[in-house]
Amino acid sequence: MIDVREDLYVVIEQLETTLAPQPKPLNHGFSKDVSYLVLGAFSLSESSDAFFILSNDHDEIWFISNRHLRTYKLLPGATAFRLPVTSALPRRAKAPRARRRKSLAKPPVRRLATNGASHH
């Protein structure tokens, strides 16, 4: 079992590739317009997918691959298994890469005294 926050809600963003992990949540009682409380998480090994334990719209418990899920909100104190998605999820814009400024001036060099004498 993997430790997860008790107040984490996720939404479904199902992969539609031929190699998408099974089960595909939208084919098994989950909806795109609903957020789901994470009940737990499980992974066979550190290098494999994690499967999140969620309750679908029919109150069935499913293990859904992390690759089908996106974080939605942390809702401290919330206990509902499902909540409607109240707004479109903001997509994370890639932050512009910071440009390193090359300083024309060299930083000052501090010389250390040796044997009690200072060299200049």
N, C-alpha and C. Protein backbone atom coordinates (compact mmCIF):
# COMPACT_ATOMS: atom_id res chain seq x y z
N MET A 1 0.84 -1.17 0.00
CA MET A 1 0.00 0.00 0.00
C MET A 1 0.89 1.24 0.00
N ILE A 2 0.47 2.27 -0.70
CA ILE A 2 1.19 3.54 -0.77
C ILE A 2 0.42 4.55 0.07
N ASP A 3 1.12 5.35 0.83
CA ASP A 3 0.44 6.40 1.60
C ASP A 3 0.00 7.52 0.66
N VAL A 4 -1.25 7.93 0.77
CA VAL A 4 -1.76 9.07 0.02
C VAL A 4 -2.53 9.97 0.99
N ARG A 5 -2.67 11.20 0.62
CA ARG A 5 -3.42 12.14 1.46
C ARG A 5 -4.88 11.72 1.52
N GLU A 6 -5.48 11.87 2.69
CA GLU A 6 -6.88 11.48 2.88
C GLU A 6 -7.84 12.39 2.14
N ASP A 7 -7.38 13.55 1.71
CA ASP A 7 -8.27 14.54 1.10
C ASP A 7 -8.01 14.76 -0.38
N LEU A 8 -7.33 13.81 -1.03
CA LEU A 8 -6.97 13.95 -2.44
C LEU A 8 -8.11 13.50 -3.35
N TYR A 9 -8.51 14.39 -4.26
CA TYR A 9 -9.50 14.06 -5.28
C TYR A 9 -8.81 14.06 -6.64
N VAL A 10 -9.19 13.11 -7.49
CA VAL A 10 -8.62 12.99 -8.83
C VAL A 10 -9.74 13.00 -9.86
N VAL A 11 -9.37 13.29 -11.10
CA VAL A 11 -10.32 13.21 -12.22
C VAL A 11 -9.76 12.24 -13.24
N ILE A 12 -10.66 11.75 -14.09
CA ILE A 12 -10.29 10.78 -15.11
C ILE A 12 -9.84 11.51 -16.37
N GLU A 13 -8.69 11.10 -16.89
CA GLU A 13 -8.23 11.52 -18.21
C GLU A 13 -7.70 10.25 -18.87
N GLN A 14 -8.63 9.50 -19.41
CA GLN A 14 -8.35 8.15 -19.90
C GLN A 14 -7.41 8.16 -21.10
N LEU A 15 -6.39 7.31 -21.04
CA LEU A 15 -5.50 7.11 -22.17
C LEU A 15 -6.22 6.30 -23.23
N GLU A 16 -6.04 6.67 -24.48
CA GLU A 16 -6.71 5.96 -25.57
C GLU A 16 -5.72 5.32 -26.52
N THR A 17 -4.62 4.83 -26.00
CA THR A 17 -3.64 4.15 -26.84
C THR A 17 -3.86 2.65 -26.77
N THR A 18 -3.28 1.93 -27.69
CA THR A 18 -3.43 0.47 -27.68
C THR A 18 -2.75 -0.15 -26.46
N LEU A 19 -1.78 0.54 -25.89
CA LEU A 19 -1.07 0.02 -24.72
C LEU A 19 -1.58 0.62 -23.41
N ALA A 20 -2.74 1.27 -23.45
CA ALA A 20 -3.30 1.87 -22.23
C ALA A 20 -3.59 0.77 -21.21
N PRO A 21 -3.29 1.04 -19.94
CA PRO A 21 -3.54 0.03 -18.91
C PRO A 21 -5.03 -0.25 -18.74
N GLN A 22 -5.33 -1.47 -18.37
CA GLN A 22 -6.71 -1.89 -18.12
C GLN A 22 -6.96 -1.90 -16.63
N PRO A 23 -8.14 -1.67 -16.17
CA PRO A 23 -9.34 -1.35 -16.93
C PRO A 23 -9.35 0.12 -17.34
N LYS A 24 -10.05 0.41 -18.42
CA LYS A 24 -10.24 1.79 -18.85
C LYS A 24 -11.43 2.34 -18.08
N PRO A 25 -11.20 3.35 -17.24
CA PRO A 25 -12.23 3.80 -16.30
C PRO A 25 -13.52 4.30 -16.94
N LEU A 26 -13.45 4.98 -18.08
CA LEU A 26 -14.68 5.50 -18.69
C LEU A 26 -15.57 4.38 -19.22
N ASN A 27 -15.02 3.19 -19.37
CA ASN A 27 -15.80 2.02 -19.80
C ASN A 27 -16.34 1.24 -18.62
N HIS A 28 -16.04 1.70 -17.39
CA HIS A 28 -16.42 0.93 -16.20
C HIS A 28 -17.04 1.80 -15.11
N GLY A 29 -17.90 2.72 -15.51
CA GLY A 29 -18.70 3.45 -14.53
C GLY A 29 -18.11 4.73 -13.98
N PHE A 30 -17.03 5.22 -14.57
CA PHE A 30 -16.46 6.50 -14.17
C PHE A 30 -16.83 7.56 -15.20
N SER A 31 -16.81 8.83 -14.79
CA SER A 31 -17.19 9.94 -15.66
C SER A 31 -16.11 11.01 -15.68
N LYS A 32 -16.05 11.76 -16.78
CA LYS A 32 -15.08 12.85 -16.89
C LYS A 32 -15.45 14.06 -16.05
N ASP A 33 -16.73 14.25 -15.77
CA ASP A 33 -17.18 15.45 -15.06
C ASP A 33 -17.35 15.24 -13.56
N VAL A 34 -16.71 14.20 -13.04
CA VAL A 34 -16.79 13.87 -11.61
C VAL A 34 -15.37 13.74 -11.07
N SER A 35 -15.16 14.23 -9.86
CA SER A 35 -13.88 14.00 -9.18
C SER A 35 -14.08 12.89 -8.16
N TYR A 36 -13.05 12.10 -7.94
CA TYR A 36 -13.14 10.90 -7.10
C TYR A 36 -12.15 10.98 -5.94
N LEU A 37 -12.64 10.67 -4.75
CA LEU A 37 -11.79 10.61 -3.57
C LEU A 37 -10.89 9.39 -3.68
N VAL A 38 -9.59 9.59 -3.46
CA VAL A 38 -8.65 8.46 -3.47
C VAL A 38 -8.80 7.73 -2.15
N LEU A 39 -9.20 6.46 -2.23
CA LEU A 39 -9.40 5.64 -1.03
C LEU A 39 -8.13 4.93 -0.61
N GLY A 40 -7.20 4.78 -1.55
CA GLY A 40 -5.94 4.12 -1.29
C GLY A 40 -5.17 3.99 -2.58
N ALA A 41 -3.98 3.43 -2.50
CA ALA A 41 -3.15 3.22 -3.68
C ALA A 41 -2.30 1.99 -3.46
N PHE A 42 -1.97 1.31 -4.57
CA PHE A 42 -1.21 0.07 -4.50
C PHE A 42 -0.26 0.01 -5.69
N SER A 43 0.92 -0.50 -5.47
CA SER A 43 1.89 -0.73 -6.54
C SER A 43 2.65 -2.00 -6.23
N LEU A 44 2.83 -2.83 -7.25
CA LEU A 44 3.56 -4.09 -7.05
C LEU A 44 5.04 -3.84 -6.80
N SER A 45 5.58 -2.81 -7.46
CA SER A 45 6.99 -2.49 -7.28
C SER A 45 7.20 -1.01 -7.57
N GLU A 46 8.38 -0.53 -7.25
CA GLU A 46 8.69 0.88 -7.48
C GLU A 46 8.70 1.23 -8.96
N SER A 47 8.93 0.26 -9.82
CA SER A 47 9.03 0.54 -11.25
C SER A 47 7.73 0.28 -12.01
N SER A 48 6.69 -0.15 -11.33
CA SER A 48 5.43 -0.42 -12.04
C SER A 48 4.44 0.71 -11.80
N ASP A 49 3.35 0.68 -12.57
CA ASP A 49 2.28 1.66 -12.37
C ASP A 49 1.71 1.52 -10.98
N ALA A 50 1.22 2.62 -10.46
CA ALA A 50 0.46 2.59 -9.21
C ALA A 50 -1.01 2.51 -9.58
N PHE A 51 -1.77 1.79 -8.80
CA PHE A 51 -3.21 1.69 -9.01
C PHE A 51 -3.90 2.35 -7.83
N PHE A 52 -4.77 3.31 -8.16
CA PHE A 52 -5.50 4.05 -7.14
C PHE A 52 -6.85 3.39 -6.92
N ILE A 53 -7.26 3.32 -5.68
CA ILE A 53 -8.53 2.70 -5.32
C ILE A 53 -9.58 3.80 -5.29
N LEU A 54 -10.58 3.65 -6.17
CA LEU A 54 -11.64 4.65 -6.32
C LEU A 54 -12.99 3.96 -6.31
N SER A 55 -14.02 4.69 -5.91
CA SER A 55 -15.40 4.21 -5.98
C SER A 55 -16.06 4.86 -7.19
N ASN A 56 -16.55 4.05 -8.14
CA ASN A 56 -17.14 4.61 -9.35
C ASN A 56 -18.56 5.12 -9.11
N ASP A 57 -19.22 5.57 -10.16
CA ASP A 57 -20.56 6.15 -10.05
C ASP A 57 -21.63 5.14 -9.65
N HIS A 58 -21.29 3.85 -9.66
CA HIS A 58 -22.22 2.78 -9.27
C HIS A 58 -21.85 2.20 -7.91
N ASP A 59 -21.00 2.91 -7.15
CA ASP A 59 -20.53 2.48 -5.83
C ASP A 59 -19.73 1.19 -5.87
N GLU A 60 -19.09 0.92 -6.99
CA GLU A 60 -18.19 -0.24 -7.11
C GLU A 60 -16.76 0.24 -6.84
N ILE A 61 -15.98 -0.60 -6.21
CA ILE A 61 -14.58 -0.28 -5.92
C ILE A 61 -13.72 -0.81 -7.07
N TRP A 62 -12.86 0.07 -7.61
CA TRP A 62 -11.98 -0.29 -8.72
C TRP A 62 -10.55 0.14 -8.42
N PHE A 63 -9.60 -0.59 -8.99
CA PHE A 63 -8.19 -0.22 -8.98
C PHE A 63 -7.90 0.37 -10.36
N ILE A 64 -7.61 1.67 -10.41
CA ILE A 64 -7.41 2.38 -11.68
C ILE A 64 -5.96 2.85 -11.77
N SER A 65 -5.33 2.62 -12.92
CA SER A 65 -3.94 3.00 -13.12
C SER A 65 -3.76 4.51 -12.98
N ASN A 66 -2.63 4.89 -12.39
CA ASN A 66 -2.31 6.31 -12.25
C ASN A 66 -2.21 7.01 -13.60
N ARG A 67 -1.97 6.27 -14.67
CA ARG A 67 -1.83 6.90 -15.98
C ARG A 67 -3.16 7.39 -16.54
N HIS A 68 -4.28 6.98 -15.95
CA HIS A 68 -5.60 7.47 -16.36
C HIS A 68 -6.08 8.62 -15.48
N LEU A 69 -5.29 9.04 -14.51
CA LEU A 69 -5.76 10.00 -13.50
C LEU A 69 -4.94 11.28 -13.51
N ARG A 70 -5.60 12.36 -13.11
CA ARG A 70 -4.95 13.65 -12.90
C ARG A 70 -5.42 14.19 -11.56
N THR A 71 -4.56 14.88 -10.86
CA THR A 71 -4.97 15.46 -9.58
C THR A 71 -6.01 16.54 -9.84
N TYR A 72 -6.94 16.66 -8.91
CA TYR A 72 -7.99 17.68 -9.03
C TYR A 72 -7.86 18.69 -7.89
N LYS A 73 -8.12 18.25 -6.67
CA LYS A 73 -8.05 19.16 -5.53
C LYS A 73 -7.73 18.40 -4.26
N LEU A 74 -7.19 19.13 -3.30
CA LEU A 74 -7.11 18.66 -1.92
C LEU A 74 -8.26 19.32 -1.20
N LEU A 75 -9.14 18.52 -0.60
CA LEU A 75 -10.32 19.05 0.07
C LEU A 75 -10.36 18.55 1.51
N PRO A 76 -9.62 19.22 2.41
CA PRO A 76 -9.58 18.78 3.81
C PRO A 76 -10.99 18.70 4.40
N GLY A 77 -11.25 17.61 5.07
CA GLY A 77 -12.54 17.42 5.72
C GLY A 77 -13.62 16.82 4.83
N ALA A 78 -13.39 16.75 3.53
CA ALA A 78 -14.39 16.18 2.62
C ALA A 78 -14.42 14.67 2.79
N THR A 79 -15.62 14.09 2.77
CA THR A 79 -15.75 12.64 2.93
C THR A 79 -16.56 12.00 1.81
N ALA A 80 -17.07 12.80 0.88
CA ALA A 80 -17.86 12.25 -0.23
C ALA A 80 -16.94 11.44 -1.15
N PHE A 81 -17.43 10.30 -1.62
CA PHE A 81 -16.65 9.49 -2.56
C PHE A 81 -16.48 10.19 -3.90
N ARG A 82 -17.48 10.99 -4.29
CA ARG A 82 -17.47 11.66 -5.58
C ARG A 82 -18.01 13.08 -5.42
N LEU A 83 -17.42 14.00 -6.17
CA LEU A 83 -17.89 15.38 -6.21
C LEU A 83 -17.90 15.86 -7.65
N PRO A 84 -18.86 16.70 -8.02
CA PRO A 84 -18.85 17.23 -9.40
C PRO A 84 -17.64 18.12 -9.62
N VAL A 85 -17.14 18.10 -10.83
CA VAL A 85 -16.04 18.99 -11.20
C VAL A 85 -16.68 20.35 -11.43
N THR A 86 -16.29 21.33 -10.63
CA THR A 86 -16.96 22.63 -10.66
C THR A 86 -16.39 23.60 -11.67
N SER A 87 -15.21 23.34 -12.15
CA SER A 87 -14.63 24.22 -13.17
C SER A 87 -13.66 23.42 -14.00
N ALA A 88 -13.40 23.94 -15.18
CA ALA A 88 -12.44 23.25 -16.05
C ALA A 88 -11.09 23.22 -15.36
N LEU A 89 -10.43 22.11 -15.48
CA LEU A 89 -9.10 22.00 -14.87
C LEU A 89 -8.12 22.90 -15.60
N PRO A 90 -7.43 23.73 -14.88
CA PRO A 90 -6.42 24.54 -15.56
C PRO A 90 -5.26 23.64 -15.97
N ARG A 91 -4.89 23.71 -17.19
CA ARG A 91 -3.74 22.94 -17.66
C ARG A 91 -2.48 23.67 -17.26
N ARG A 92 -1.54 22.93 -16.80
CA ARG A 92 -0.29 23.54 -16.39
C ARG A 92 0.45 24.04 -17.61
N ALA A 93 0.65 25.32 -17.66
CA ALA A 93 1.45 25.88 -18.74
C ALA A 93 2.91 25.64 -18.40
N LYS A 94 3.66 25.32 -19.41
CA LYS A 94 5.08 25.13 -19.15
C LYS A 94 5.69 26.48 -18.81
N ALA A 95 6.37 26.50 -17.71
CA ALA A 95 7.02 27.74 -17.29
C ALA A 95 8.17 28.03 -18.22
N PRO A 96 8.32 29.29 -18.59
CA PRO A 96 9.46 29.62 -19.45
C PRO A 96 10.76 29.33 -18.72
N ARG A 97 11.70 28.83 -19.46
CA ARG A 97 12.99 28.52 -18.85
C ARG A 97 13.70 29.82 -18.50
N ALA A 98 14.21 29.85 -17.32
CA ALA A 98 14.92 31.04 -16.87
C ALA A 98 16.24 31.15 -17.63
N ARG A 99 16.50 32.32 -18.12
CA ARG A 99 17.77 32.54 -18.81
C ARG A 99 18.82 32.92 -17.78
N ARG A 100 19.94 32.32 -17.92
CA ARG A 100 21.03 32.67 -17.03
C ARG A 100 21.72 33.90 -17.58
N ARG A 101 21.83 34.88 -16.74
CA ARG A 101 22.52 36.10 -17.15
C ARG A 101 24.00 35.92 -16.92
N LYS A 102 24.73 36.21 -17.93
CA LYS A 102 26.18 36.15 -17.78
C LYS A 102 26.64 37.52 -17.31
N SER A 103 27.19 37.52 -16.16
CA SER A 103 27.66 38.78 -15.60
C SER A 103 28.96 39.17 -16.29
N LEU A 104 29.03 40.42 -16.68
CA LEU A 104 30.26 40.91 -17.31
C LEU A 104 31.36 41.12 -16.29
N ALA A 105 30.96 41.48 -15.11
CA ALA A 105 31.94 41.70 -14.05
C ALA A 105 32.21 40.38 -13.34
N LYS A 106 33.47 40.13 -13.08
CA LYS A 106 33.82 38.91 -12.36
C LYS A 106 33.56 39.13 -10.88
N PRO A 107 33.11 38.10 -10.18
CA PRO A 107 32.88 38.27 -8.75
C PRO A 107 34.21 38.50 -8.04
N PRO A 108 34.18 39.24 -6.94
CA PRO A 108 35.44 39.50 -6.22
C PRO A 108 36.02 38.20 -5.68
N VAL A 109 37.33 38.11 -5.71
CA VAL A 109 38.03 36.94 -5.20
C VAL A 109 38.55 37.27 -3.82
N ARG A 110 38.24 36.42 -2.88
CA ARG A 110 38.71 36.65 -1.52
C ARG A 110 39.92 35.77 -1.29
N ARG A 111 41.01 36.39 -0.92
CA ARG A 111 42.23 35.63 -0.68
C ARG A 111 42.37 35.37 0.80
N LEU A 112 42.78 34.18 1.10
CA LEU A 112 42.94 33.78 2.49
C LEU A 112 44.38 33.97 2.93
N ALA A 113 44.54 34.43 4.14
CA ALA A 113 45.89 34.61 4.71
C ALA A 113 46.45 33.24 5.08
N THR A 114 47.73 33.06 4.84
CA THR A 114 48.39 31.81 5.23
C THR A 114 49.52 32.14 6.18
N ASN A 115 49.70 31.34 7.19
CA ASN A 115 50.75 31.52 8.19
C ASN A 115 50.72 32.90 8.81
N GLY A 116 49.56 33.44 8.99
CA GLY A 116 49.44 34.73 9.65
C GLY A 116 49.79 35.91 8.77
N ALA A 117 50.24 35.67 7.54
CA ALA A 117 50.61 36.78 6.66
C ALA A 117 49.61 36.87 5.52
N SER A 118 49.38 38.07 5.08
CA SER A 118 48.46 38.30 3.99
C SER A 118 49.25 38.52 2.71
N HIS A 119 48.86 37.89 1.63
CA HIS A 119 49.54 38.06 0.34
C HIS A 119 48.69 38.96 -0.53
N HIS A 120 49.27 40.03 -1.08
CA HIS A 120 48.53 40.93 -1.97
C HIS A 120 49.23 41.04 -3.27
